[in-house]
């Protein structure tokens, strides 16, 4: 029995390390979500049409922006592995962060070209002309916040990989505060500002993203724990080897993220084909589900760091403990979130849509039905997210990308279209399709992790 005790202690220590890292990440990610949630709440109280237009614009924005975010995510396992190899490494960590910011600059240019033509894209997708017009106007303002948002995300990956994520929470709360005040003032015309409605929400979004980068840049240049890395010194000097390495590892992550976000964005476009109320209800339900998802997503980020540290140290047993502990915590968190959504759906939807407003009653009822389906798929969504995170810790990104392509677009979108339009289940059918796609991806991700040694992952000579 004696040999089992160190392993048990090792597992307990790993769980504690994951929770200490994931806790601030949860707060930071929830705060990040709060920026958009503030817009949804304020626009939902302002006008349902404005809410629907913002939903179209933001879904396309995040579908494109999340691809860039995935590229930046490669910095996390690379920094973690370097720390596992050499605990006090400075130069290699600085190289990774700098080139991550170069990658952000690179990827923004083509994304901006797409977002500038958002109205045309929405019309090609069959959206209503007035919604497409307003969503396009929102996008032409908000899109300029993408670069500062991606730059601050690189820096968040950096402070998280150094296992000091609490600074990301502080920075994101500053962004939330800016967005809350600016959105309230500019949408409704408070504090002496003109009433700008949807345009005001777009300006607030831009200001919030600029605030995020400005405050994060101050943190990494002024706080002693980060200052010694001199991240912005000689920023213009190219490091093409590290740049290519980030792209090689990050491109599959970016595509995987884009596949997942795009399936939810496409679901919004399908809702727009069904009815305006369905689209508004979907915007509310997906916002609530996204908030719940931040817990397993944060565990996924923590798992990438912890598995990456052990991977860099070439400790297969410790990497296994970190991965399985993260998966178990992810399932537990998902059960709690699912129970909350199933037990109090009316109270949650009521935060976004006034149940006493007769004009919003159809959207309120639809949001309730969507949220019940979302409660069911929280479990598989958590498993696929953490599964992808533990595989990233081993710097395995190509197969997870293929899993996402098959699960989301073959199974998920195919099922959503069939149930919604062939069987006539409308919006509920779309959400059932989303759940089916997530279930397939979760099985594939966990299967690859469980058989990682057979695939040559985390095996050290």
Protein backbone atom coordinates (compact mmCIF):
# COMPACT_ATOMS: atom_id res chain seq x y z
CA UNK A 1 0.00 0.00 0.00
CA UNK A 2 2.93 2.36 0.60
CA UNK A 3 3.62 3.17 -3.09
CA UNK A 4 0.06 4.48 -3.54
CA UNK A 5 0.45 7.29 -1.02
CA UNK A 6 2.85 9.49 -3.04
CA UNK A 7 0.59 9.17 -6.08
CA UNK A 8 -2.46 10.21 -4.05
CA UNK A 9 -0.56 13.13 -2.62
CA UNK A 10 0.60 14.01 -6.14
CA UNK A 11 -2.98 14.02 -7.39
CA UNK A 12 -4.17 16.20 -4.52
CA UNK A 13 -1.32 18.64 -5.12
CA UNK A 14 -2.13 18.74 -8.84
CA UNK A 15 -5.81 19.43 -8.16
CA UNK A 16 -4.82 22.28 -5.85
CA UNK A 17 -2.44 23.69 -8.45
CA UNK A 18 -5.15 23.51 -11.13
CA UNK A 19 -7.71 25.23 -8.93
CA UNK A 20 -5.29 27.97 -7.89
CA UNK A 21 -4.54 28.66 -11.54
CA UNK A 22 -8.06 28.15 -12.88
CA UNK A 23 -9.78 30.29 -10.22
CA UNK A 24 -8.40 33.63 -11.40
CA UNK A 25 -8.77 32.47 -15.02
CA UNK A 26 -12.48 31.85 -14.40
CA UNK A 27 -12.87 35.34 -12.96
CA UNK A 28 -10.92 36.87 -15.83
CA UNK A 29 -12.85 35.02 -18.52
CA UNK A 30 -16.18 35.81 -16.88
CA UNK A 31 -15.16 39.44 -16.72
CA UNK A 32 -14.23 39.28 -20.41
CA UNK A 33 -17.66 37.83 -21.18
CA UNK A 34 -19.23 40.58 -19.09
CA UNK A 35 -18.06 43.14 -21.64
CA UNK A 36 -20.32 41.71 -24.33
CA UNK A 37 -23.02 40.75 -21.82
CA UNK A 38 -23.26 44.40 -20.79
CA UNK A 39 -24.00 45.28 -24.41
CA UNK A 40 -26.63 42.53 -24.69
CA UNK A 41 -28.40 43.63 -21.49
CA UNK A 42 -28.37 47.33 -22.38
CA UNK A 43 -29.42 46.78 -26.00
CA UNK A 44 -32.08 44.27 -24.90
CA UNK A 45 -33.58 47.00 -22.72
CA UNK A 46 -33.12 49.61 -25.44
CA UNK A 47 -34.59 47.86 -28.50
CA UNK A 48 -35.02 44.22 -29.67
CA UNK A 49 -34.09 45.19 -33.23
CA UNK A 50 -30.82 46.71 -32.02
CA UNK A 51 -30.14 43.55 -30.00
CA UNK A 52 -30.69 41.34 -33.06
CA UNK A 53 -28.41 43.51 -35.23
CA UNK A 54 -25.68 43.48 -32.58
CA UNK A 55 -26.05 39.68 -32.31
CA UNK A 56 -25.35 39.33 -36.05
CA UNK A 57 -22.34 41.62 -35.92
CA UNK A 58 -20.80 40.18 -32.75
CA UNK A 59 -21.19 36.60 -33.96
CA UNK A 60 -19.19 37.36 -37.10
CA UNK A 61 -16.69 39.44 -35.10
CA UNK A 62 -16.01 36.61 -32.69
CA UNK A 63 -15.92 33.97 -35.42
CA UNK A 64 -13.04 35.88 -37.06
CA UNK A 65 -11.44 37.19 -33.88
CA UNK A 66 -11.41 33.79 -32.22
CA UNK A 67 -9.30 32.42 -35.06
CA UNK A 68 -6.71 35.06 -34.19
CA UNK A 69 -7.08 34.26 -30.51
CA UNK A 70 -6.34 30.61 -31.27
CA UNK A 71 -3.09 31.57 -32.94
CA UNK A 72 -2.12 33.55 -29.84
CA UNK A 73 -3.02 30.61 -27.60
CA UNK A 74 0.05 28.75 -28.90
CA UNK A 75 2.12 31.05 -26.70
CA UNK A 76 0.75 29.39 -23.54
CA UNK A 77 2.00 25.79 -24.04
CA UNK A 78 5.27 27.08 -25.51
CA UNK A 79 5.97 29.27 -22.46
CA UNK A 80 4.86 26.52 -20.06
CA UNK A 81 7.12 23.94 -21.72
CA UNK A 82 10.06 26.35 -21.59
CA UNK A 83 9.46 26.91 -17.87
CA UNK A 84 9.30 23.13 -17.40
CA UNK A 85 12.71 22.80 -19.08
CA UNK A 86 14.31 25.84 -17.40
CA UNK A 87 12.43 27.38 -14.49
CA UNK A 88 14.08 30.81 -14.71
CA UNK A 89 14.16 31.17 -18.50
CA UNK A 90 13.78 34.77 -19.69
CA UNK A 91 15.04 35.12 -23.27
CA UNK A 92 12.98 32.30 -24.81
CA UNK A 93 9.81 33.44 -23.04
CA UNK A 94 10.39 37.00 -24.28
CA UNK A 95 10.89 35.70 -27.84
CA UNK A 96 7.60 33.81 -27.72
CA UNK A 97 5.58 36.75 -26.37
CA UNK A 98 7.05 39.24 -28.83
CA UNK A 99 6.42 37.03 -31.83
CA UNK A 100 2.92 36.34 -30.53
CA UNK A 101 2.27 40.06 -30.84
CA UNK A 102 3.75 40.01 -34.34
CA UNK A 103 1.32 37.22 -35.23
CA UNK A 104 -1.53 39.37 -33.87
CA UNK A 105 -0.52 42.22 -36.17
CA UNK A 106 -0.30 39.84 -39.13
CA UNK A 107 -3.65 38.17 -38.69
CA UNK A 108 -5.59 41.40 -38.11
CA UNK A 109 -5.11 42.69 -41.66
CA UNK A 110 -7.12 40.01 -43.51
CA UNK A 111 -9.72 39.88 -40.71
CA UNK A 112 -10.29 43.63 -40.96
CA UNK A 113 -10.88 43.24 -44.71
CA UNK A 114 -13.60 40.67 -43.99
CA UNK A 115 -15.27 42.65 -41.22
CA UNK A 116 -15.32 45.89 -43.24
CA UNK A 117 -17.61 44.11 -45.73
CA UNK A 118 -19.88 42.59 -43.08
CA UNK A 119 -23.11 44.03 -44.51
CA UNK A 120 -22.50 42.37 -47.87
CA UNK A 121 -21.75 39.07 -46.16
CA UNK A 122 -24.97 39.22 -44.15
CA UNK A 123 -26.99 39.93 -47.29
CA UNK A 124 -25.34 36.98 -49.06
CA UNK A 125 -26.37 34.83 -46.10
CA UNK A 126 -30.00 35.85 -46.63
CA UNK A 127 -30.35 38.12 -43.60
CA UNK A 128 -33.00 40.84 -43.56
CA UNK A 129 -31.68 44.02 -45.26
CA UNK A 130 -32.36 46.33 -42.31
CA UNK A 131 -30.63 43.96 -39.89
CA UNK A 132 -27.69 43.53 -42.28
CA UNK A 133 -27.33 47.31 -42.65
CA UNK A 134 -27.36 48.03 -38.93
CA UNK A 135 -25.04 45.11 -38.13
CA UNK A 136 -22.62 46.32 -40.78
CA UNK A 137 -22.57 49.84 -39.30
CA UNK A 138 -21.91 48.38 -35.83
CA UNK A 139 -19.03 46.32 -37.24
CA UNK A 140 -17.27 49.22 -39.00
CA UNK A 141 -16.76 50.83 -35.60
CA UNK A 142 -16.17 47.84 -33.34
CA UNK A 143 -13.74 46.05 -35.69
CA UNK A 144 -10.87 48.44 -34.86
CA UNK A 145 -10.83 47.08 -31.32
CA UNK A 146 -9.71 43.67 -32.58
CA UNK A 147 -5.98 44.45 -32.62
CA UNK A 148 -5.76 45.80 -29.05
CA UNK A 149 -7.90 42.87 -27.92
CA UNK A 150 -5.56 40.31 -29.52
CA UNK A 151 -2.47 42.07 -28.16
CA UNK A 152 -3.83 42.01 -24.62
CA UNK A 153 -4.76 38.36 -25.09
CA UNK A 154 -1.13 37.50 -25.87
CA UNK A 155 -0.12 39.26 -22.67
CA UNK A 156 -2.83 37.41 -20.73
CA UNK A 157 -1.41 34.10 -22.01
CA UNK A 158 2.00 35.27 -20.82
CA UNK A 159 0.94 36.15 -17.25
CA UNK A 160 -1.15 32.95 -17.05
CA UNK A 161 1.74 30.74 -18.22
CA UNK A 162 3.84 32.37 -15.48
CA UNK A 163 1.02 31.21 -13.12
CA UNK A 164 0.07 34.76 -12.12
CA UNK A 165 -3.38 35.03 -13.76
CA UNK A 166 -4.84 37.35 -11.10
CA UNK A 167 -3.40 40.29 -13.04
CA UNK A 168 -5.58 39.31 -15.98
CA UNK A 169 -8.62 39.61 -13.71
CA UNK A 170 -7.64 43.12 -12.64
CA UNK A 171 -7.08 44.24 -16.22
CA UNK A 172 -10.33 42.74 -17.50
CA UNK A 173 -12.35 44.38 -14.72
CA UNK A 174 -10.99 47.72 -15.92
CA UNK A 175 -12.33 46.88 -19.38
CA UNK A 176 -15.72 45.89 -17.96
CA UNK A 177 -15.99 49.16 -16.08
CA UNK A 178 -15.13 51.17 -19.19
CA UNK A 179 -17.65 49.26 -21.30
CA UNK A 180 -20.43 49.54 -18.71
CA UNK A 181 -20.12 53.29 -18.29
CA UNK A 182 -19.55 54.02 -21.99
CA UNK A 183 -22.37 51.74 -23.18
CA UNK A 184 -24.87 53.14 -20.67
CA UNK A 185 -23.90 56.71 -21.53
CA UNK A 186 -23.74 56.37 -25.32
CA UNK A 187 -26.68 54.00 -25.99
CA UNK A 188 -29.24 55.88 -23.88
CA UNK A 189 -27.66 59.34 -24.02
CA UNK A 190 -26.68 59.68 -20.36
CA UNK A 191 -23.98 61.87 -18.76
CA UNK A 192 -24.60 64.59 -21.34
CA UNK A 193 -23.80 62.38 -24.36
CA UNK A 194 -26.18 62.09 -27.34
CA UNK A 195 -28.38 59.00 -27.62
CA UNK A 196 -26.51 56.86 -30.18
CA UNK A 197 -28.26 53.50 -29.71
CA UNK A 198 -26.50 50.67 -31.57
CA UNK A 199 -23.68 52.97 -32.69
CA UNK A 200 -23.02 53.88 -29.06
CA UNK A 201 -22.65 50.19 -28.14
CA UNK A 202 -20.06 49.77 -30.92
CA UNK A 203 -18.04 52.77 -29.67
CA UNK A 204 -18.18 51.40 -26.11
CA UNK A 205 -16.89 48.04 -27.35
CA UNK A 206 -13.95 49.73 -29.06
CA UNK A 207 -13.10 51.80 -25.98
CA UNK A 208 -13.23 48.72 -23.74
CA UNK A 209 -10.77 46.78 -25.92
CA UNK A 210 -8.36 49.71 -26.05
CA UNK A 211 -8.57 49.96 -22.26
CA UNK A 212 -7.76 46.25 -21.90
CA UNK A 213 -4.53 46.56 -23.86
CA UNK A 214 -3.45 49.84 -22.29
CA UNK A 215 -3.84 48.55 -18.72
CA UNK A 216 -2.26 45.16 -19.50
CA UNK A 217 0.73 46.91 -21.12
CA UNK A 218 1.16 48.94 -17.93
CA UNK A 219 1.06 45.78 -15.83
CA UNK A 220 3.74 43.88 -17.78
CA UNK A 221 6.05 46.90 -17.91
CA UNK A 222 5.61 48.16 -14.33
CA UNK A 223 4.99 45.10 -12.10
CA UNK A 224 8.27 43.69 -10.84
CA UNK A 225 7.45 40.03 -11.58
CA UNK A 226 7.02 40.83 -15.29
CA UNK A 227 9.28 43.84 -15.80
CA UNK A 228 12.49 41.82 -16.01
CA UNK A 229 11.35 40.18 -19.27
CA UNK A 230 11.42 43.56 -21.11
CA UNK A 231 8.71 42.44 -23.55
CA UNK A 232 8.57 45.69 -25.53
CA UNK A 233 12.32 46.29 -25.78
CA UNK A 234 13.49 46.16 -29.42
CA UNK A 235 10.00 45.00 -30.36
CA UNK A 236 10.68 45.68 -34.06
CA UNK A 237 13.46 43.04 -34.31
CA UNK A 238 12.21 39.99 -36.23
CA UNK A 239 12.60 36.43 -34.93
CA UNK A 240 11.36 34.43 -37.89
CA UNK A 241 12.14 31.03 -36.37
CA UNK A 242 9.93 31.66 -33.35
CA UNK A 243 7.33 33.38 -35.56
CA UNK A 244 7.07 30.25 -37.73
CA UNK A 245 6.96 27.98 -34.67
CA UNK A 246 4.02 29.95 -33.26
CA UNK A 247 2.19 29.71 -36.56
CA UNK A 248 2.89 25.97 -36.86
CA UNK A 249 1.50 25.24 -33.41
CA UNK A 250 -1.11 27.98 -33.32
CA UNK A 251 -2.70 27.64 -36.76
CA UNK A 252 -4.48 24.34 -35.93
CA UNK A 253 -5.61 25.85 -32.60
CA UNK A 254 -6.93 28.92 -34.42
CA UNK A 255 -8.80 26.77 -36.94
CA UNK A 256 -10.21 24.62 -34.12
CA UNK A 257 -11.43 27.70 -32.24
CA UNK A 258 -12.85 29.14 -35.45
CA UNK A 259 -14.72 25.90 -36.20
CA UNK A 260 -16.33 25.96 -32.76
CA UNK A 261 -17.23 29.63 -32.72
CA UNK A 262 -18.32 29.59 -36.36
CA UNK A 263 -20.79 26.77 -35.71
CA UNK A 264 -22.46 28.93 -33.05
CA UNK A 265 -22.29 31.96 -35.33
CA UNK A 266 -23.84 29.94 -38.14
CA UNK A 267 -26.56 28.90 -35.73
CA UNK A 268 -27.30 32.60 -35.24
CA UNK A 269 -27.52 33.05 -39.01
CA UNK A 270 -29.95 30.10 -39.19
CA UNK A 271 -32.00 31.76 -36.46
CA UNK A 272 -32.10 34.90 -38.59
CA UNK A 273 -33.65 32.84 -41.39
CA UNK A 274 -36.34 31.58 -39.00
CA UNK A 275 -37.46 34.84 -37.35
CA UNK A 276 -36.23 37.98 -35.65
CA UNK A 277 -37.53 36.74 -32.29
CA UNK A 278 -35.59 33.50 -32.72
CA UNK A 279 -32.41 35.46 -33.37
CA UNK A 280 -32.90 37.69 -30.32
CA UNK A 281 -33.72 34.67 -28.14
CA UNK A 282 -30.64 32.85 -29.43
CA UNK A 283 -28.46 35.86 -28.55
CA UNK A 284 -29.70 35.69 -24.95
CA UNK A 285 -29.46 31.90 -24.59
CA UNK A 286 -25.99 31.71 -26.12
CA UNK A 287 -24.82 34.49 -23.81
CA UNK A 288 -25.96 32.56 -20.74
CA UNK A 289 -24.46 29.31 -22.04
CA UNK A 290 -21.21 31.13 -22.83
CA UNK A 291 -21.00 32.42 -19.28
CA UNK A 292 -21.39 28.88 -17.96
CA UNK A 293 -18.77 27.65 -20.45
CA UNK A 294 -16.16 30.01 -19.01
CA UNK A 295 -15.60 27.64 -16.07
CA UNK A 296 -14.53 24.57 -18.11
CA UNK A 297 -12.78 26.86 -20.61
CA UNK A 298 -10.69 28.30 -17.79
CA UNK A 299 -9.92 24.80 -16.57
CA UNK A 300 -8.83 24.04 -20.13
CA UNK A 301 -6.41 26.98 -20.07
CA UNK A 302 -5.08 25.90 -16.67
CA UNK A 303 -4.69 22.32 -17.91
CA UNK A 304 -2.67 23.52 -20.90
CA UNK A 305 -0.23 25.27 -18.55
CA UNK A 306 0.02 22.41 -16.03
CA UNK A 307 0.34 19.66 -18.65
CA UNK A 308 2.75 21.88 -20.59
CA UNK A 309 4.98 22.34 -17.55
CA UNK A 310 5.21 18.58 -17.00
CA UNK A 311 5.64 18.00 -20.71
CA UNK A 312 8.60 20.39 -20.76
CA UNK A 313 10.06 18.58 -17.72
CA UNK A 314 9.48 15.25 -19.56
CA UNK A 315 7.43 13.85 -16.66
CA UNK A 316 4.74 11.66 -18.25
CA UNK A 317 3.16 10.57 -14.95
CA UNK A 318 2.71 14.15 -13.74
CA UNK A 319 1.28 15.21 -17.11
CA UNK A 320 -1.25 12.35 -16.89
CA UNK A 321 -2.31 13.40 -13.38
CA UNK A 322 -2.78 16.99 -14.51
CA UNK A 323 -4.85 15.97 -17.52
CA UNK A 324 -7.20 13.58 -15.75
CA UNK A 325 -7.62 15.94 -12.80
CA UNK A 326 -8.61 18.75 -15.19
CA UNK A 327 -11.12 16.52 -17.00
CA UNK A 328 -12.71 15.48 -13.70
CA UNK A 329 -12.98 19.07 -12.49
CA UNK A 330 -14.47 20.08 -15.85
CA UNK A 331 -17.25 17.49 -15.59
CA UNK A 332 -18.02 18.55 -12.02
CA UNK A 333 -18.23 22.22 -12.99
CA UNK A 334 -20.46 21.45 -15.96
CA UNK A 335 -22.92 19.52 -13.78
CA UNK A 336 -23.27 22.52 -11.48
CA UNK A 337 -23.78 24.95 -14.38
CA UNK A 338 -26.32 22.67 -16.07
CA UNK A 339 -28.33 22.39 -12.87
CA UNK A 340 -28.48 26.19 -12.49
CA UNK A 341 -29.73 26.68 -16.06
CA UNK A 342 -32.34 23.93 -15.72
CA UNK A 343 -33.66 25.10 -12.35
CA UNK A 344 -33.97 28.87 -12.86
CA UNK A 345 -34.19 29.53 -16.64
CA UNK A 346 -36.80 32.27 -16.23
CA UNK A 347 -34.69 34.28 -13.82
CA UNK A 348 -31.65 34.01 -16.12
CA UNK A 349 -33.51 35.04 -19.28
CA UNK A 350 -35.20 37.85 -17.33
CA UNK A 351 -31.80 39.48 -16.87
CA UNK A 352 -31.74 40.17 -20.61
CA UNK A 353 -35.39 40.45 -21.71
CA UNK A 354 -38.13 42.10 -19.69
CA UNK A 355 -40.86 39.42 -19.22
CA UNK A 356 -43.44 42.19 -18.70
CA UNK A 357 -42.80 43.66 -22.15
CA UNK A 358 -45.52 42.26 -24.42
CA UNK A 359 -43.52 42.93 -27.58
CA UNK A 360 -40.65 40.82 -26.24
CA UNK A 361 -42.81 37.91 -25.04
CA UNK A 362 -42.15 35.63 -28.06
CA UNK A 363 -38.39 36.09 -27.73
CA UNK A 364 -38.59 35.41 -23.98
CA UNK A 365 -40.46 32.12 -24.48
CA UNK A 366 -38.06 30.96 -27.18
CA UNK A 367 -35.04 31.79 -25.02
CA UNK A 368 -36.44 29.57 -22.25
CA UNK A 369 -36.70 26.58 -24.59
CA UNK A 370 -33.21 27.15 -26.01
CA UNK A 371 -31.72 27.40 -22.53
CA UNK A 372 -33.07 24.01 -21.49
CA UNK A 373 -31.26 22.37 -24.42
CA UNK A 374 -28.12 24.34 -23.52
CA UNK A 375 -28.29 22.92 -20.00
CA UNK A 376 -28.14 19.42 -21.45
CA UNK A 377 -25.09 19.98 -23.65
CA UNK A 378 -23.03 21.80 -21.01
CA UNK A 379 -21.54 18.46 -19.98
CA UNK A 380 -20.19 17.48 -23.40
CA UNK A 381 -19.10 21.06 -24.09
CA UNK A 382 -17.00 21.01 -20.92
CA UNK A 383 -15.40 17.67 -21.80
CA UNK A 384 -14.41 18.73 -25.31
CA UNK A 385 -12.98 22.03 -24.05
CA UNK A 386 -10.82 20.49 -21.33
CA UNK A 387 -9.89 17.61 -23.65
CA UNK A 388 -8.56 20.10 -26.18
CA UNK A 389 -6.68 21.92 -23.41
CA UNK A 390 -4.83 18.86 -22.13
CA UNK A 391 -3.85 17.91 -25.68
CA UNK A 392 -2.54 21.44 -26.28
CA UNK A 393 -0.35 20.97 -23.22
CA UNK A 394 1.34 18.15 -25.14
CA UNK A 395 1.50 20.50 -28.16
CA UNK A 396 -0.88 18.19 -30.03
CA UNK A 397 -3.09 20.48 -32.12
CA UNK A 398 -3.55 18.98 -35.59
CA UNK A 399 -5.87 16.07 -34.76
CA UNK A 400 -8.06 18.15 -32.44
CA UNK A 401 -8.54 20.50 -35.41
CA UNK A 402 -9.76 17.60 -37.57
CA UNK A 403 -12.04 16.39 -34.77
CA UNK A 404 -13.60 19.85 -34.59
CA UNK A 405 -14.13 20.01 -38.35
CA UNK A 406 -15.94 16.68 -38.40
CA UNK A 407 -17.92 17.06 -35.19
CA UNK A 408 -19.08 20.64 -35.59
CA UNK A 409 -19.62 20.90 -39.33
CA UNK A 410 -20.53 17.39 -40.47
CA UNK A 411 -22.47 16.19 -37.44
CA UNK A 412 -23.45 19.47 -35.76
CA UNK A 413 -24.47 21.62 -38.70
CA UNK A 414 -26.00 18.67 -40.57
CA UNK A 415 -28.14 17.75 -37.57
CA UNK A 416 -29.11 21.39 -36.92
CA UNK A 417 -30.27 21.93 -40.51
CA UNK A 418 -32.20 18.65 -40.61
CA UNK A 419 -34.02 19.15 -37.31
CA UNK A 420 -34.72 22.85 -37.83
CA UNK A 421 -35.85 22.90 -41.46
CA UNK A 422 -36.67 19.33 -42.44
CA UNK A 423 -38.48 18.31 -39.27
CA UNK A 424 -39.77 21.83 -38.62
CA UNK A 425 -38.39 22.13 -35.08
CA UNK A 426 -37.07 25.63 -35.85
CA UNK A 427 -34.76 27.10 -33.20
CA UNK A 428 -34.89 24.12 -30.85
CA UNK A 429 -33.74 21.92 -33.74
CA UNK A 430 -30.73 24.19 -34.26
CA UNK A 431 -29.74 23.84 -30.61
CA UNK A 432 -30.11 20.04 -30.74
CA UNK A 433 -27.69 20.04 -33.66
CA UNK A 434 -25.19 22.06 -31.62
CA UNK A 435 -25.42 19.52 -28.79
CA UNK A 436 -24.87 16.59 -31.18
CA UNK A 437 -21.73 18.15 -32.64
CA UNK A 438 -20.27 18.90 -29.22
CA UNK A 439 -20.94 15.32 -28.06
CA UNK A 440 -18.99 13.83 -30.96
CA UNK A 441 -16.02 16.17 -30.47
CA UNK A 442 -15.88 15.44 -26.73
CA UNK A 443 -15.68 11.68 -27.33
CA UNK A 444 -12.89 12.10 -29.89
CA UNK A 445 -10.85 14.48 -27.70
CA UNK A 446 -10.99 12.30 -24.60
CA UNK A 447 -10.32 9.19 -26.67
CA UNK A 448 -7.11 10.69 -28.06
CA UNK A 449 -5.99 11.74 -24.58
CA UNK A 450 -6.70 8.27 -23.15
CA UNK A 451 -4.73 6.63 -25.99
CA UNK A 452 -2.02 9.30 -26.11
CA UNK A 453 0.86 6.86 -25.56
CA UNK A 454 -0.32 4.70 -28.44
CA UNK A 455 -0.19 7.80 -30.64
CA UNK A 456 3.29 8.71 -29.38
CA UNK A 457 2.19 11.70 -27.28
CA UNK A 458 3.97 12.41 -24.02
CA UNK A 459 6.33 9.45 -24.44
CA UNK A 460 9.90 10.31 -23.46
CA UNK A 461 13.02 8.25 -24.09
